[in-house]
Amino acid sequence: MEPNFSKMFGDRVKQLRESKSISIEDAAEKAHLSITTFKNLEEGKRNRITLSLSCDVAEAIGVTVKDIWEYVK
């Protein structure tokens, strides 16, 4: 079975966001995304994750893109 990178990415984003006590509403606003879109991203329901999106999300939760992707394997 193929790995679900969208789900792994979303799980990692949620883990990092919660570890910094950042609400999903604040993270979504800082990433210039709707709350629904950010929730879908964390739930692995977004199939297309671009470098730009990764950068926006990382900046919104105060981490690097590497912090997110290094655990996605």
Foldseek 3Di string as FASTA:
>chain_A
DDDLLQQLLLCLLVVLLVVLPHDLCQLCVQLVHHSVVNVCSNRSNDRDDDPSSLCSSCVSSVHHSCSRCVRRD
